Amino acid sequence: MSAIDVNAVAGQAANKIVEILTDAGKDVAGYAAAEGKKLATSAAEIAKLRAEGQIDDEEARLHFDIQLHASRAVLMAISGVSIIAAEQAINAAGQIILGAVRRATGLSLIAN
């Protein structure tokens, strides 16, 4: 299992959130950076727990899904950010993070 570069993945995720929400006319860079970092850090920790056998595949997927829901809620709380825009932003960031986890560990954090 190779290491997940949390900072690099967090930056990519944050950039994707900003890209999508900027189209909604919002200045969300601070939120995007925080949520990208939180998602990437959580995914790396979940992958570590799974690799160590402390949780199974289903638990890993559920834990990551909980993190995605929390980040959606944060973005939806920003005045003027629609539910659809928040959903699109988190889904896009999630795909970046999921790809990084899959490449580093072989673990898929989404149900097939």
C-alpha atoms as a PDB file:
ATOM      1  CA  MET A   1       0.000   0.000   0.000  1.00  0.00           C
ATOM      2  CA  SER A   2       1.489   3.325  -1.004  1.00  0.00           C
ATOM      3  CA  ALA A   3       0.903   6.529   0.894  1.00  0.00           C
ATOM      4  CA  ILE A   4      -1.816   8.987   0.021  1.00  0.00           C
ATOM      5  CA  ASP A   5      -0.476  12.522  -0.432  1.00  0.00           C
ATOM      6  CA  VAL A   6      -3.229  14.161   1.588  1.00  0.00           C
ATOM      7  CA  ASN A   7      -2.073  17.715   0.873  1.00  0.00           C
ATOM      8  CA  ALA A   8      -1.925  17.205  -2.881  1.00  0.00           C
ATOM      9  CA  VAL A   9      -5.281  15.426  -3.012  1.00  0.00           C
ATOM     10  CA  ALA A  10      -6.858  18.027  -0.728  1.00  0.00           C
ATOM     11  CA  GLY A  11      -5.628  20.797  -3.022  1.00  0.00           C
ATOM     12  CA  GLN A  12      -7.057  19.085  -6.089  1.00  0.00           C
ATOM     13  CA  ALA A  13     -10.390  18.521  -4.337  1.00  0.00           C
ATOM     14  CA  ALA A  14     -10.509  22.133  -3.136  1.00  0.00           C
ATOM     15  CA  ASN A  15      -9.775  23.413  -6.639  1.00  0.00           C
ATOM     16  CA  LYS A  16     -12.643  21.332  -8.014  1.00  0.00           C
ATOM     17  CA  ILE A  17     -15.044  22.682  -5.366  1.00  0.00           C
ATOM     18  CA  VAL A  18     -13.991  26.253  -6.156  1.00  0.00           C
ATOM     19  CA  GLU A  19     -14.322  25.627  -9.893  1.00  0.00           C
ATOM     20  CA  ILE A  20     -17.891  24.383  -9.559  1.00  0.00           C
ATOM     21  CA  LEU A  21     -19.119  26.853  -6.953  1.00  0.00           C
ATOM     22  CA  THR A  22     -17.503  29.878  -8.590  1.00  0.00           C
ATOM     23  CA  ASP A  23     -19.992  29.308 -11.385  1.00  0.00           C
ATOM     24  CA  ALA A  24     -22.665  29.872  -8.725  1.00  0.00           C
ATOM     25  CA  GLY A  25     -21.123  33.290  -8.073  1.00  0.00           C
ATOM     26  CA  LYS A  26     -19.718  32.474  -4.655  1.00  0.00           C
ATOM     27  CA  ASP A  27     -16.331  33.119  -3.086  1.00  0.00           C
ATOM     28  CA  VAL A  28     -15.812  29.748  -1.447  1.00  0.00           C
ATOM     29  CA  ALA A  29     -12.040  29.297  -1.482  1.00  0.00           C
ATOM     30  CA  GLY A  30     -11.735  29.114   2.312  1.00  0.00           C
ATOM     31  CA  TYR A  31     -14.552  26.609   2.632  1.00  0.00           C
ATOM     32  CA  ALA A  32     -13.241  24.576  -0.300  1.00  0.00           C
ATOM     33  CA  ALA A  33      -9.762  24.310   1.184  1.00  0.00           C
ATOM     34  CA  ALA A  34     -11.117  23.221   4.560  1.00  0.00           C
ATOM     35  CA  GLU A  35     -13.540  20.673   3.118  1.00  0.00           C
ATOM     36  CA  GLY A  36     -10.994  19.306   0.647  1.00  0.00           C
ATOM     37  CA  LYS A  37      -8.465  18.819   3.449  1.00  0.00           C
ATOM     38  CA  LYS A  38     -11.066  17.237   5.729  1.00  0.00           C
ATOM     39  CA  LEU A  39     -12.238  14.805   3.038  1.00  0.00           C
ATOM     40  CA  ALA A  40      -8.728  13.816   1.982  1.00  0.00           C
ATOM     41  CA  THR A  41      -7.569  13.348   5.575  1.00  0.00           C
ATOM     42  CA  SER A  42     -10.655  11.303   6.441  1.00  0.00           C
ATOM     43  CA  ALA A  43     -10.268   9.116   3.350  1.00  0.00           C
ATOM     44  CA  ALA A  44      -6.623   8.431   4.178  1.00  0.00           C
ATOM     45  CA  GLU A  45      -7.528   7.490   7.756  1.00  0.00           C
ATOM     46  CA  ILE A  46     -10.399   5.268   6.574  1.00  0.00           C
ATOM     47  CA  ALA A  47      -8.080   3.523   4.109  1.00  0.00           C
ATOM     48  CA  LYS A  48      -5.533   2.998   6.904  1.00  0.00           C
ATOM     49  CA  LEU A  49      -8.167   1.500   9.206  1.00  0.00           C
ATOM     50  CA  ARG A  50      -9.300  -0.813   6.401  1.00  0.00           C
ATOM     51  CA  ALA A  51      -5.738  -1.876   5.582  1.00  0.00           C
ATOM     52  CA  GLU A  52      -5.156  -2.679   9.250  1.00  0.00           C
ATOM     53  CA  GLY A  53      -8.338  -4.780   9.356  1.00  0.00           C
ATOM     54  CA  GLN A  54     -10.004  -2.584  11.969  1.00  0.00           C
ATOM     55  CA  ILE A  55     -12.987  -2.016   9.651  1.00  0.00           C
ATOM     56  CA  ASP A  56     -14.351  -3.969   6.682  1.00  0.00           C
ATOM     57  CA  ASP A  57     -15.156  -2.709   3.170  1.00  0.00           C
ATOM     58  CA  GLU A  58     -18.757  -1.846   3.995  1.00  0.00           C
ATOM     59  CA  GLU A  59     -17.768   0.115   7.092  1.00  0.00           C
ATOM     60  CA  ALA A  60     -15.108   1.978   5.094  1.00  0.00           C
ATOM     61  CA  ARG A  61     -17.664   2.977   2.473  1.00  0.00           C
ATOM     62  CA  LEU A  62     -20.151   4.074   5.122  1.00  0.00           C
ATOM     63  CA  HIS A  63     -17.548   6.155   6.941  1.00  0.00           C
ATOM     64  CA  PHE A  64     -16.579   7.953   3.724  1.00  0.00           C
ATOM     65  CA  ASP A  65     -20.229   8.516   2.812  1.00  0.00           C
ATOM     66  CA  ILE A  66     -20.766  10.158   6.208  1.00  0.00           C
ATOM     67  CA  GLN A  67     -17.860  12.515   5.486  1.00  0.00           C
ATOM     68  CA  LEU A  68     -19.311  13.410   2.086  1.00  0.00           C
ATOM     69  CA  HIS A  69     -22.680  14.225   3.669  1.00  0.00           C
ATOM     70  CA  ALA A  70     -21.021  16.430   6.276  1.00  0.00           C
ATOM     71  CA  SER A  71     -19.150  18.375   3.595  1.00  0.00           C
ATOM     72  CA  ARG A  72     -22.322  18.810   1.545  1.00  0.00           C
ATOM     73  CA  ALA A  73     -24.037  20.257   4.613  1.00  0.00           C
ATOM     74  CA  VAL A  74     -21.221  22.751   5.122  1.00  0.00           C
ATOM     75  CA  LEU A  75     -21.396  23.945   1.522  1.00  0.00           C
ATOM     76  CA  MET A  76     -25.193  24.150   1.558  1.00  0.00           C
ATOM     77  CA  ALA A  77     -24.973  26.384   4.625  1.00  0.00           C
ATOM     78  CA  ILE A  78     -23.166  29.043   2.601  1.00  0.00           C
ATOM     79  CA  SER A  79     -25.696  31.688   1.687  1.00  0.00           C
ATOM     80  CA  GLY A  80     -26.632  31.422  -1.963  1.00  0.00           C
ATOM     81  CA  VAL A  81     -25.124  27.995  -2.667  1.00  0.00           C
ATOM     82  CA  SER A  82     -27.842  25.743  -3.997  1.00  0.00           C
ATOM     83  CA  ILE A  83     -28.285  22.129  -3.016  1.00  0.00           C
ATOM     84  CA  ILE A  84     -27.489  21.089  -6.580  1.00  0.00           C
ATOM     85  CA  ALA A  85     -24.270  23.130  -6.713  1.00  0.00           C
ATOM     86  CA  ALA A  86     -23.120  21.762  -3.340  1.00  0.00           C
ATOM     87  CA  GLU A  87     -23.919  18.222  -4.476  1.00  0.00           C
ATOM     88  CA  GLN A  88     -22.013  18.674  -7.738  1.00  0.00           C
ATOM     89  CA  ALA A  89     -19.008  20.181  -5.959  1.00  0.00           C
ATOM     90  CA  ILE A  90     -18.746  17.450  -3.320  1.00  0.00           C
ATOM     91  CA  ASN A  91     -19.334  14.674  -5.848  1.00  0.00           C
ATOM     92  CA  ALA A  92     -16.526  16.025  -8.049  1.00  0.00           C
ATOM     93  CA  ALA A  93     -14.156  16.434  -5.084  1.00  0.00           C
ATOM     94  CA  GLY A  94     -15.117  12.976  -3.868  1.00  0.00           C
ATOM     95  CA  GLN A  95     -14.206  11.430  -7.206  1.00  0.00           C
ATOM     96  CA  ILE A  96     -10.734  12.968  -7.015  1.00  0.00           C
ATOM     97  CA  ILE A  97     -10.232  11.637  -3.497  1.00  0.00           C
ATOM     98  CA  LEU A  98     -11.682   8.214  -4.300  1.00  0.00           C
ATOM     99  CA  GLY A  99      -9.322   7.918  -7.255  1.00  0.00           C
ATOM    100  CA  ALA A 100      -6.320   8.768  -5.095  1.00  0.00           C
ATOM    101  CA  VAL A 101      -7.334   6.212  -2.466  1.00  0.00           C
ATOM    102  CA  ARG A 102      -7.913   3.539  -5.122  1.00  0.00           C
ATOM    103  CA  ARG A 103      -4.523   4.197  -6.767  1.00  0.00           C
ATOM    104  CA  ALA A 104      -2.678   4.175  -3.443  1.00  0.00           C
ATOM    105  CA  THR A 105      -4.438   1.272  -1.735  1.00  0.00           C
ATOM    106  CA  GLY A 106      -6.619  -0.581  -4.221  1.00  0.00           C
ATOM    107  CA  LEU A 107      -9.572   0.135  -1.929  1.00  0.00           C
ATOM    108  CA  SER A 108     -12.845   1.308  -3.431  1.00  0.00           C
ATOM    109  CA  LEU A 109     -14.730   3.515  -0.984  1.00  0.00           C
ATOM    110  CA  ILE A 110     -17.919   3.415  -3.041  1.00  0.00           C
ATOM    111  CA  ALA A 111     -20.302   0.516  -3.536  1.00  0.00           C
ATOM    112  CA  ASN A 112     -19.875  -1.192  -6.884  1.00  0.00           C
END
